[in-house]
C-alpha atoms as a PDB file:
ATOM      1  CA  MET A   1      -0.003   0.001   0.002  1.00  0.00           C
ATOM      2  CA  LYS A   2       2.837   2.388   0.851  1.00  0.00           C
ATOM      3  CA  LYS A   3       4.433   1.626  -2.545  1.00  0.00           C
ATOM      4  CA  THR A   4       1.176   2.378  -4.319  1.00  0.00           C
ATOM      5  CA  ILE A   5       0.777   5.713  -2.514  1.00  0.00           C
ATOM      6  CA  LEU A   6       4.428   6.578  -3.181  1.00  0.00           C
ATOM      7  CA  SER A   7       4.049   5.667  -6.880  1.00  0.00           C
ATOM      8  CA  LEU A   8       0.900   7.805  -7.189  1.00  0.00           C
ATOM      9  CA  ALA A   9       2.640  10.712  -5.457  1.00  0.00           C
ATOM     10  CA  LEU A  10       5.620  10.492  -7.833  1.00  0.00           C
ATOM     11  CA  ILE A  11       3.353  10.252 -10.885  1.00  0.00           C
ATOM     12  CA  THR A  12       1.428  13.313  -9.668  1.00  0.00           C
ATOM     13  CA  LEU A  13       4.624  15.245  -8.948  1.00  0.00           C
ATOM     14  CA  PHE A  14       6.274  14.463 -12.299  1.00  0.00           C
ATOM     15  CA  GLY A  15       3.008  14.915 -14.187  1.00  0.00           C
ATOM     16  CA  ALA A  16       2.548  18.377 -12.653  1.00  0.00           C
ATOM     17  CA  ALA A  17       6.146  19.270 -13.490  1.00  0.00           C
ATOM     18  CA  ALA A  18       5.612  18.185 -17.098  1.00  0.00           C
ATOM     19  CA  VAL A  19       2.476  20.321 -17.395  1.00  0.00           C
ATOM     20  CA  ALA A  20       4.152  23.284 -15.683  1.00  0.00           C
ATOM     21  CA  ASN A  21       7.268  23.030 -17.904  1.00  0.00           C
ATOM     22  CA  PRO A  22       6.151  21.665 -21.277  1.00  0.00           C
ATOM     23  CA  ILE A  23       8.667  21.391 -24.075  1.00  0.00           C
ATOM     24  CA  LYS A  24       8.269  24.480 -26.208  1.00  0.00           C
ATOM     25  CA  LYS A  25       7.424  23.838 -29.862  1.00  0.00           C
ATOM     26  CA  GLU A  26       8.655  26.634 -32.069  1.00  0.00           C
ATOM     27  CA  THR A  27       8.562  27.494 -35.752  1.00  0.00           C
ATOM     28  CA  LYS A  28      11.517  29.531 -37.017  1.00  0.00           C
ATOM     29  CA  GLU A  29      10.852  31.415 -40.243  1.00  0.00           C
ATOM     30  CA  VAL A  30      13.746  31.453 -42.691  1.00  0.00           C
ATOM     31  CA  LYS A  31      15.132  34.846 -43.685  1.00  0.00           C
ATOM     32  CA  THR A  32      14.845  34.295 -47.408  1.00  0.00           C
ATOM     33  CA  SER A  33      16.958  37.337 -48.351  1.00  0.00           C
ATOM     34  CA  GLU A  34      19.837  36.087 -46.175  1.00  0.00           C
ATOM     35  CA  SER A  35      19.584  32.400 -47.187  1.00  0.00           C
ATOM     36  CA  ASN A  36      21.211  30.806 -50.240  1.00  0.00           C
ATOM     37  CA  VAL A  37      20.341  27.888 -52.467  1.00  0.00           C
ATOM     38  CA  THR A  38      22.961  26.953 -55.041  1.00  0.00           C
ATOM     39  CA  TRP A  39      22.639  24.271 -57.694  1.00  0.00           C
ATOM     40  CA  LYS A  40      25.138  22.317 -59.753  1.00  0.00           C
ATOM     41  CA  GLY A  41      24.158  20.340 -62.809  1.00  0.00           C
ATOM     42  CA  TYR A  42      26.545  17.926 -64.511  1.00  0.00           C
ATOM     43  CA  LYS A  43      27.067  17.093 -68.166  1.00  0.00           C
ATOM     44  CA  VAL A  44      29.575  15.131 -70.171  1.00  0.00           C
ATOM     45  CA  GLY A  45      32.711  17.196 -70.081  1.00  0.00           C
ATOM     46  CA  GLY A  46      31.700  19.676 -67.388  1.00  0.00           C
ATOM     47  CA  SER A  47      29.054  21.251 -65.207  1.00  0.00           C
ATOM     48  CA  HIS A  48      27.075  24.444 -64.645  1.00  0.00           C
ATOM     49  CA  THR A  49      26.341  26.228 -61.365  1.00  0.00           C
ATOM     50  CA  GLY A  50      23.825  28.770 -60.284  1.00  0.00           C
ATOM     51  CA  THR A  51      21.399  30.020 -57.686  1.00  0.00           C
ATOM     52  CA  ILE A  52      17.690  29.836 -57.025  1.00  0.00           C
ATOM     53  CA  ALA A  53      15.713  31.945 -54.553  1.00  0.00           C
ATOM     54  CA  LEU A  54      13.649  30.757 -51.612  1.00  0.00           C
ATOM     55  CA  LYS A  55      10.149  32.213 -51.649  1.00  0.00           C
ATOM     56  CA  SER A  56       9.385  31.088 -48.095  1.00  0.00           C
ATOM     57  CA  GLY A  57      10.512  28.576 -45.548  1.00  0.00           C
ATOM     58  CA  ALA A  58      10.426  27.516 -41.920  1.00  0.00           C
ATOM     59  CA  LEU A  59      11.920  24.892 -39.626  1.00  0.00           C
ATOM     60  CA  GLN A  60       9.998  23.452 -36.680  1.00  0.00           C
ATOM     61  CA  PHE A  61      11.670  22.607 -33.393  1.00  0.00           C
ATOM     62  CA  ASP A  62      10.639  20.769 -30.252  1.00  0.00           C
ATOM     63  CA  GLY A  63      12.880  22.463 -27.754  1.00  0.00           C
ATOM     64  CA  GLU A  64      16.221  22.482 -29.558  1.00  0.00           C
ATOM     65  CA  LYS A  65      15.442  19.376 -31.630  1.00  0.00           C
ATOM     66  CA  LEU A  66      14.536  19.755 -35.305  1.00  0.00           C
ATOM     67  CA  VAL A  67      11.155  18.074 -35.982  1.00  0.00           C
ATOM     68  CA  GLY A  68       9.909  19.504 -39.290  1.00  0.00           C
ATOM     69  CA  GLY A  69      10.221  21.981 -42.091  1.00  0.00           C
ATOM     70  CA  GLU A  70       8.608  23.333 -45.215  1.00  0.00           C
ATOM     71  CA  PHE A  71      10.046  25.384 -48.066  1.00  0.00           C
ATOM     72  CA  VAL A  72       8.857  26.986 -51.299  1.00  0.00           C
ATOM     73  CA  VAL A  73      11.354  27.821 -54.031  1.00  0.00           C
ATOM     74  CA  ASP A  74      10.807  30.468 -56.709  1.00  0.00           C
ATOM     75  CA  MET A  75      11.596  28.465 -59.874  1.00  0.00           C
ATOM     76  CA  THR A  76      11.415  31.627 -62.020  1.00  0.00           C
ATOM     77  CA  SER A  77      14.574  32.846 -60.254  1.00  0.00           C
ATOM     78  CA  ILE A  78      16.817  30.171 -61.778  1.00  0.00           C
ATOM     79  CA  ASN A  79      20.127  31.911 -62.415  1.00  0.00           C
ATOM     80  CA  THR A  80      23.294  30.529 -63.967  1.00  0.00           C
ATOM     81  CA  THR A  81      26.427  31.930 -62.285  1.00  0.00           C
ATOM     82  CA  ASP A  82      29.225  30.289 -64.272  1.00  0.00           C
ATOM     83  CA  LEU A  83      28.331  31.870 -67.640  1.00  0.00           C
ATOM     84  CA  GLU A  84      27.958  35.429 -68.965  1.00  0.00           C
ATOM     85  CA  GLY A  85      26.307  37.174 -71.874  1.00  0.00           C
ATOM     86  CA  ASP A  86      24.407  35.243 -74.536  1.00  0.00           C
ATOM     87  CA  TYR A  87      25.405  31.813 -73.216  1.00  0.00           C
ATOM     88  CA  LYS A  88      24.043  32.664 -69.752  1.00  0.00           C
ATOM     89  CA  GLY A  89      20.813  34.021 -71.232  1.00  0.00           C
ATOM     90  CA  LYS A  90      20.327  30.940 -73.402  1.00  0.00           C
ATOM     91  CA  LEU A  91      20.919  28.480 -70.547  1.00  0.00           C
ATOM     92  CA  ASP A  92      18.721  30.404 -68.100  1.00  0.00           C
ATOM     93  CA  GLY A  93      15.943  30.486 -70.706  1.00  0.00           C
ATOM     94  CA  HIS A  94      16.348  26.798 -71.514  1.00  0.00           C
ATOM     95  CA  LEU A  95      16.229  25.808 -67.813  1.00  0.00           C
ATOM     96  CA  LYS A  96      12.960  27.784 -67.458  1.00  0.00           C
ATOM     97  CA  SER A  97      11.471  26.171 -70.592  1.00  0.00           C
ATOM     98  CA  ASP A  98       9.301  23.049 -70.720  1.00  0.00           C
ATOM     99  CA  ASP A  99      12.409  21.023 -71.637  1.00  0.00           C
ATOM    100  CA  PHE A 100      13.475  21.468 -68.008  1.00  0.00           C
ATOM    101  CA  PHE A 101      11.451  23.176 -65.218  1.00  0.00           C
ATOM    102  CA  GLY A 102       8.562  24.725 -67.196  1.00  0.00           C
ATOM    103  CA  THR A 103       8.430  27.803 -64.924  1.00  0.00           C
ATOM    104  CA  ASP A 104       5.530  29.416 -66.809  1.00  0.00           C
ATOM    105  CA  ASN A 105       3.257  26.599 -65.642  1.00  0.00           C
ATOM    106  CA  HIS A 106       5.194  25.609 -62.512  1.00  0.00           C
ATOM    107  CA  PRO A 107       6.593  28.793 -60.955  1.00  0.00           C
ATOM    108  CA  THR A 108       7.347  27.156 -57.594  1.00  0.00           C
ATOM    109  CA  ALA A 109       8.726  23.935 -56.169  1.00  0.00           C
ATOM    110  CA  LYS A 110       8.033  22.751 -52.634  1.00  0.00           C
ATOM    111  CA  LEU A 111       9.731  20.591 -49.993  1.00  0.00           C
ATOM    112  CA  VAL A 112       7.841  19.318 -46.931  1.00  0.00           C
ATOM    113  CA  PHE A 113       9.684  17.323 -44.267  1.00  0.00           C
ATOM    114  CA  THR A 114       7.891  14.046 -43.489  1.00  0.00           C
ATOM    115  CA  LYS A 115      10.442  12.395 -41.187  1.00  0.00           C
ATOM    116  CA  VAL A 116      13.307  13.821 -39.117  1.00  0.00           C
ATOM    117  CA  LYS A 117      15.740  11.590 -37.279  1.00  0.00           C
ATOM    118  CA  ALA A 118      18.539  12.927 -35.077  1.00  0.00           C
ATOM    119  CA  THR A 119      21.932  11.468 -36.063  1.00  0.00           C
ATOM    120  CA  GLY A 120      24.029  13.605 -33.693  1.00  0.00           C
ATOM    121  CA  LYS A 121      23.779  16.665 -31.470  1.00  0.00           C
ATOM    122  CA  ASN A 122      23.202  19.063 -34.381  1.00  0.00           C
ATOM    123  CA  SER A 123      22.759  16.608 -37.239  1.00  0.00           C
ATOM    124  CA  TYR A 124      19.629  15.077 -38.723  1.00  0.00           C
ATOM    125  CA  SER A 125      18.621  12.701 -41.469  1.00  0.00           C
ATOM    126  CA  VAL A 126      15.530  14.158 -43.165  1.00  0.00           C
ATOM    127  CA  THR A 127      13.064  12.568 -45.547  1.00  0.00           C
ATOM    128  CA  GLY A 128      10.729  14.926 -47.313  1.00  0.00           C
ATOM    129  CA  ASP A 129       8.272  15.208 -50.163  1.00  0.00           C
ATOM    130  CA  LEU A 130       9.807  17.270 -52.973  1.00  0.00           C
ATOM    131  CA  THR A 131       7.378  18.649 -55.572  1.00  0.00           C
ATOM    132  CA  ILE A 132       8.745  19.840 -58.920  1.00  0.00           C
ATOM    133  CA  LYS A 133       6.520  20.420 -61.970  1.00  0.00           C
ATOM    134  CA  GLY A 134       3.536  19.152 -59.991  1.00  0.00           C
ATOM    135  CA  ILE A 135       5.175  15.752 -59.357  1.00  0.00           C
ATOM    136  CA  THR A 136       5.911  14.753 -55.741  1.00  0.00           C
ATOM    137  CA  GLU A 137       8.648  12.258 -54.881  1.00  0.00           C
ATOM    138  CA  PRO A 138      10.476  11.482 -51.629  1.00  0.00           C
ATOM    139  CA  VAL A 139      14.064  12.668 -51.075  1.00  0.00           C
ATOM    140  CA  THR A 140      16.411  11.926 -48.171  1.00  0.00           C
ATOM    141  CA  PHE A 141      19.249  14.239 -47.130  1.00  0.00           C
ATOM    142  CA  ASP A 142      21.266  15.420 -44.139  1.00  0.00           C
ATOM    143  CA  VAL A 143      20.695  18.694 -42.288  1.00  0.00           C
ATOM    144  CA  SER A 144      22.959  20.394 -39.739  1.00  0.00           C
ATOM    145  CA  VAL A 145      21.573  23.047 -37.406  1.00  0.00           C
ATOM    146  CA  TYR A 146      23.738  25.457 -35.410  1.00  0.00           C
ATOM    147  CA  GLY A 147      21.830  28.205 -33.627  1.00  0.00           C
ATOM    148  CA  ASP A 148      20.006  30.291 -36.223  1.00  0.00           C
ATOM    149  CA  LYS A 149      21.780  28.626 -39.179  1.00  0.00           C
ATOM    150  CA  ALA A 150      21.077  25.382 -40.977  1.00  0.00           C
ATOM    151  CA  THR A 151      22.789  23.689 -43.915  1.00  0.00           C
ATOM    152  CA  ALA A 152      21.818  20.834 -46.185  1.00  0.00           C
ATOM    153  CA  SER A 153      22.994  19.122 -49.334  1.00  0.00           C
ATOM    154  CA  VAL A 154      20.374  17.441 -51.493  1.00  0.00           C
ATOM    155  CA  LYS A 155      20.938  15.223 -54.532  1.00  0.00           C
ATOM    156  CA  VAL A 156      17.901  15.268 -56.860  1.00  0.00           C
ATOM    157  CA  ASP A 157      17.188  12.869 -59.735  1.00  0.00           C
ATOM    158  CA  ARG A 158      15.552  15.211 -62.237  1.00  0.00           C
ATOM    159  CA  THR A 159      14.010  12.382 -64.276  1.00  0.00           C
ATOM    160  CA  LYS A 160      11.641  11.563 -61.398  1.00  0.00           C
ATOM    161  CA  TYR A 161      10.036  14.984 -61.948  1.00  0.00           C
ATOM    162  CA  ASN A 162       9.819  14.802 -65.735  1.00  0.00           C
ATOM    163  CA  VAL A 163      12.676  17.276 -65.965  1.00  0.00           C
ATOM    164  CA  LYS A 164      14.169  16.051 -69.196  1.00  0.00           C
ATOM    165  CA  TYR A 165      15.835  17.736 -72.068  1.00  0.00           C
ATOM    166  CA  GLY A 166      13.525  16.281 -74.710  1.00  0.00           C
ATOM    167  CA  SER A 167      14.854  15.641 -78.167  1.00  0.00           C
ATOM    168  CA  GLY A 168      13.495  13.837 -81.168  1.00  0.00           C
ATOM    169  CA  ILE A 169      16.421  11.420 -81.105  1.00  0.00           C
ATOM    170  CA  ILE A 170      15.481   7.799 -80.301  1.00  0.00           C
ATOM    171  CA  GLY A 171      16.538   6.969 -76.773  1.00  0.00           C
ATOM    172  CA  THR A 172      16.877  10.666 -75.972  1.00  0.00           C
ATOM    173  CA  ALA A 173      20.585  10.641 -76.798  1.00  0.00           C
ATOM    174  CA  LYS A 174      20.894  14.393 -76.162  1.00  0.00           C
ATOM    175  CA  ASP A 175      19.444  13.916 -72.685  1.00  0.00           C
ATOM    176  CA  LYS A 176      22.179  11.391 -71.823  1.00  0.00           C
ATOM    177  CA  LEU A 177      24.751  14.181 -72.241  1.00  0.00           C
ATOM    178  CA  ILE A 178      23.240  15.781 -69.138  1.00  0.00           C
ATOM    179  CA  TYR A 179      23.457  13.690 -65.982  1.00  0.00           C
ATOM    180  CA  ASP A 180      20.185  12.732 -64.283  1.00  0.00           C
ATOM    181  CA  GLU A 181      21.202  14.006 -60.843  1.00  0.00           C
ATOM    182  CA  PHE A 182      21.893  17.557 -59.800  1.00  0.00           C
ATOM    183  CA  ASP A 183      23.000  18.947 -56.436  1.00  0.00           C
ATOM    184  CA  LEU A 184      21.449  21.575 -54.230  1.00  0.00           C
ATOM    185  CA  VAL A 185      23.434  23.159 -51.399  1.00  0.00           C
ATOM    186  CA  VAL A 186      21.240  25.076 -48.992  1.00  0.00           C
ATOM    187  CA  ASP A 187      22.444  27.603 -46.386  1.00  0.00           C
ATOM    188  CA  LEU A 188      19.584  28.892 -44.265  1.00  0.00           C
ATOM    189  CA  GLN A 189      19.500  31.862 -41.925  1.00  0.00           C
ATOM    190  CA  MET A 190      16.625  32.071 -39.423  1.00  0.00           C
END
């Protein structure tokens, strides 16, 4: 009987403490003007790099632990940074065309975290739903969070989102000159 009373007292005490001091859930909005998303696409014999702007974004925390996130990217802001002049203009225009991202019909892309697993003190493995050109597919990547900064590197298989350089050649031979995967490096400021 004494054990039962002691157990009930401890449950009541710890339960009251938990209610009095709940873990604070917080959403931190990303400062889009201070955050950077860079891309790198690969082709036979080289690569191209550029930037793309965040339209909005936020990370969710439970205390100091990352538990979620959601981002919208402005696809019309695709910008090539390794070229100048006519070549830059042609590549930027081609990336915005229906051969690639079709920004007239799909001006934004979206990433919603669906699973976040801590892999270290400031490190997480994240799975999310990435939507490009109206097609949603899962992606998995690592995120590091330090104070009001977060970084991530994401490898994206463009063919899963119907992002193909279409040509009339059988077997899309021209498309094979451009690798299927491209990289995104994300530096967030909150």
